[in-house]
Amino acid sequence: MRSALWWTAAVLIVALVIYWIGPLWARRTVLGTMPAQMRATVDGLVEIAGLTSDPPKFVVAI
């Protein structure tokens, strides 16, 4: 019974670590520069949303 609890806890811990590390890894993966048209669209959306800080970071899978 105890080993089942340990395995469950281990799986949850590994899942949480992957959940936190995944976005960090995705941000490091750079496939190239953002096309000018996409940059203009993102800038427009940032302006519409009223964000005063840096634009949000996201991953685009082409």
N, C-alpha and C. Protein backbone atom coordinates (compact mmCIF):
# COMPACT_ATOMS: atom_id res chain seq x y z
N MET A 1 0.83 -1.20 0.00
CA MET A 1 0.00 0.00 0.00
C MET A 1 0.87 1.26 0.00
N ARG A 2 1.91 1.25 0.81
CA ARG A 2 2.77 2.42 0.89
C ARG A 2 3.50 2.67 -0.41
N SER A 3 3.91 1.60 -1.08
CA SER A 3 4.64 1.80 -2.34
C SER A 3 3.74 2.45 -3.39
N ALA A 4 2.47 2.14 -3.36
CA ALA A 4 1.53 2.76 -4.31
C ALA A 4 1.44 4.27 -4.05
N LEU A 5 1.45 4.65 -2.81
CA LEU A 5 1.41 6.09 -2.48
C LEU A 5 2.69 6.78 -2.91
N TRP A 6 3.83 6.11 -2.71
CA TRP A 6 5.11 6.70 -3.14
C TRP A 6 5.15 6.86 -4.65
N TRP A 7 4.69 5.86 -5.39
CA TRP A 7 4.68 5.96 -6.86
C TRP A 7 3.74 7.07 -7.33
N THR A 8 2.60 7.19 -6.68
CA THR A 8 1.66 8.26 -7.04
C THR A 8 2.28 9.63 -6.78
N ALA A 9 2.92 9.77 -5.63
CA ALA A 9 3.58 11.04 -5.30
C ALA A 9 4.71 11.33 -6.29
N ALA A 10 5.48 10.31 -6.66
CA ALA A 10 6.57 10.51 -7.61
C ALA A 10 6.05 10.94 -8.98
N VAL A 11 4.97 10.32 -9.43
CA VAL A 11 4.39 10.69 -10.73
C VAL A 11 3.88 12.12 -10.68
N LEU A 12 3.24 12.52 -9.61
CA LEU A 12 2.75 13.89 -9.49
C LEU A 12 3.89 14.90 -9.47
N ILE A 13 4.96 14.57 -8.77
CA ILE A 13 6.11 15.49 -8.72
C ILE A 13 6.74 15.62 -10.10
N VAL A 14 6.92 14.52 -10.80
CA VAL A 14 7.48 14.58 -12.16
C VAL A 14 6.57 15.37 -13.08
N ALA A 15 5.27 15.18 -12.96
CA ALA A 15 4.32 15.93 -13.80
C ALA A 15 4.42 17.43 -13.51
N LEU A 16 4.53 17.81 -12.25
CA LEU A 16 4.65 19.23 -11.92
C LEU A 16 5.95 19.82 -12.45
N VAL A 17 7.03 19.08 -12.34
CA VAL A 17 8.32 19.57 -12.85
C VAL A 17 8.24 19.77 -14.36
N ILE A 18 7.67 18.82 -15.07
CA ILE A 18 7.52 18.94 -16.52
C ILE A 18 6.61 20.12 -16.86
N TYR A 19 5.55 20.31 -16.06
CA TYR A 19 4.61 21.42 -16.28
C TYR A 19 5.31 22.76 -16.15
N TRP A 20 6.25 22.87 -15.20
CA TRP A 20 6.96 24.14 -15.00
C TRP A 20 8.12 24.31 -15.98
N ILE A 21 8.80 23.24 -16.33
CA ILE A 21 9.97 23.35 -17.20
C ILE A 21 9.56 23.45 -18.67
N GLY A 22 8.45 22.87 -19.05
CA GLY A 22 8.02 22.86 -20.45
C GLY A 22 7.99 24.24 -21.09
N PRO A 23 7.30 25.20 -20.50
CA PRO A 23 7.28 26.55 -21.10
C PRO A 23 8.66 27.20 -21.17
N LEU A 24 9.51 26.95 -20.19
CA LEU A 24 10.86 27.51 -20.23
C LEU A 24 11.63 26.96 -21.42
N TRP A 25 11.50 25.67 -21.66
CA TRP A 25 12.17 25.04 -22.79
C TRP A 25 11.62 25.60 -24.10
N ALA A 26 10.32 25.77 -24.17
CA ALA A 26 9.70 26.26 -25.40
C ALA A 26 10.16 27.68 -25.72
N ARG A 27 10.35 28.51 -24.69
CA ARG A 27 10.81 29.88 -24.93
C ARG A 27 12.23 29.92 -25.43
N ARG A 28 13.05 28.94 -25.06
CA ARG A 28 14.43 28.92 -25.52
C ARG A 28 14.55 28.47 -26.96
N THR A 29 13.57 27.73 -27.44
CA THR A 29 13.61 27.23 -28.81
C THR A 29 13.24 28.36 -29.75
N VAL A 30 14.19 28.80 -30.53
CA VAL A 30 13.96 29.90 -31.46
C VAL A 30 14.07 29.35 -32.87
N LEU A 31 13.01 29.48 -33.61
CA LEU A 31 13.00 28.97 -34.98
C LEU A 31 13.39 30.04 -35.99
N GLY A 32 13.49 31.25 -35.56
CA GLY A 32 13.83 32.34 -36.46
C GLY A 32 13.18 33.62 -35.97
N THR A 33 13.31 34.65 -36.77
CA THR A 33 12.72 35.92 -36.39
C THR A 33 11.26 35.96 -36.79
N MET A 34 10.53 36.81 -36.14
CA MET A 34 9.11 36.95 -36.42
C MET A 34 8.93 37.77 -37.69
N PRO A 35 8.11 37.29 -38.62
CA PRO A 35 7.86 38.07 -39.84
C PRO A 35 7.27 39.44 -39.52
N ALA A 36 7.53 40.41 -40.37
CA ALA A 36 7.10 41.80 -40.12
C ALA A 36 5.58 41.90 -40.00
N GLN A 37 4.85 41.17 -40.82
CA GLN A 37 3.39 41.24 -40.77
C GLN A 37 2.87 40.70 -39.44
N MET A 38 3.47 39.60 -38.97
CA MET A 38 3.05 39.05 -37.68
C MET A 38 3.40 40.00 -36.55
N ARG A 39 4.57 40.64 -36.64
CA ARG A 39 4.98 41.60 -35.61
C ARG A 39 4.00 42.77 -35.54
N ALA A 40 3.57 43.25 -36.71
CA ALA A 40 2.61 44.34 -36.74
C ALA A 40 1.27 43.92 -36.12
N THR A 41 0.86 42.69 -36.39
CA THR A 41 -0.38 42.18 -35.82
C THR A 41 -0.28 42.07 -34.30
N VAL A 42 0.83 41.55 -33.81
CA VAL A 42 1.03 41.43 -32.36
C VAL A 42 1.07 42.82 -31.71
N ASP A 43 1.76 43.75 -32.33
CA ASP A 43 1.81 45.11 -31.79
C ASP A 43 0.42 45.73 -31.73
N GLY A 44 -0.38 45.49 -32.76
CA GLY A 44 -1.76 46.00 -32.76
C GLY A 44 -2.59 45.38 -31.65
N LEU A 45 -2.45 44.07 -31.45
CA LEU A 45 -3.20 43.40 -30.39
C LEU A 45 -2.76 43.88 -29.00
N VAL A 46 -1.47 44.11 -28.84
CA VAL A 46 -0.96 44.63 -27.56
C VAL A 46 -1.54 46.01 -27.29
N GLU A 47 -1.62 46.82 -28.33
CA GLU A 47 -2.19 48.16 -28.17
C GLU A 47 -3.67 48.10 -27.83
N ILE A 48 -4.41 47.24 -28.52
CA ILE A 48 -5.85 47.08 -28.26
C ILE A 48 -6.08 46.59 -26.83
N ALA A 49 -5.23 45.65 -26.38
CA ALA A 49 -5.39 45.10 -25.03
C ALA A 49 -4.97 46.08 -23.95
N GLY A 50 -4.23 47.12 -24.34
CA GLY A 50 -3.81 48.12 -23.37
C GLY A 50 -2.67 47.66 -22.47
N LEU A 51 -1.84 46.77 -22.97
CA LEU A 51 -0.70 46.30 -22.18
C LEU A 51 0.39 47.36 -22.19
N THR A 52 0.86 47.70 -21.01
CA THR A 52 1.89 48.74 -20.94
C THR A 52 3.30 48.15 -20.84
N SER A 53 3.39 46.87 -20.49
CA SER A 53 4.70 46.24 -20.37
C SER A 53 5.08 45.60 -21.70
N ASP A 54 6.10 44.76 -21.66
CA ASP A 54 6.53 44.06 -22.87
C ASP A 54 5.39 43.20 -23.40
N PRO A 55 5.36 42.97 -24.70
CA PRO A 55 4.32 42.12 -25.25
C PRO A 55 4.44 40.69 -24.72
N PRO A 56 3.35 39.95 -24.70
CA PRO A 56 3.41 38.60 -24.16
C PRO A 56 4.30 37.70 -25.00
N LYS A 57 4.89 36.69 -24.37
CA LYS A 57 5.73 35.74 -25.05
C LYS A 57 4.90 34.51 -25.38
N PHE A 58 5.02 34.02 -26.58
CA PHE A 58 4.28 32.85 -26.98
C PHE A 58 5.09 32.08 -28.01
N VAL A 59 4.66 30.87 -28.27
CA VAL A 59 5.36 29.99 -29.20
C VAL A 59 4.46 29.76 -30.40
N VAL A 60 5.03 29.90 -31.59
CA VAL A 60 4.28 29.64 -32.81
C VAL A 60 4.92 28.45 -33.48
N ALA A 61 4.14 27.39 -33.67
CA ALA A 61 4.63 26.20 -34.35
C ALA A 61 4.22 26.31 -35.83
N ILE A 62 5.20 26.52 -36.67
CA ILE A 62 4.91 26.70 -38.10
C ILE A 62 4.82 25.34 -38.77
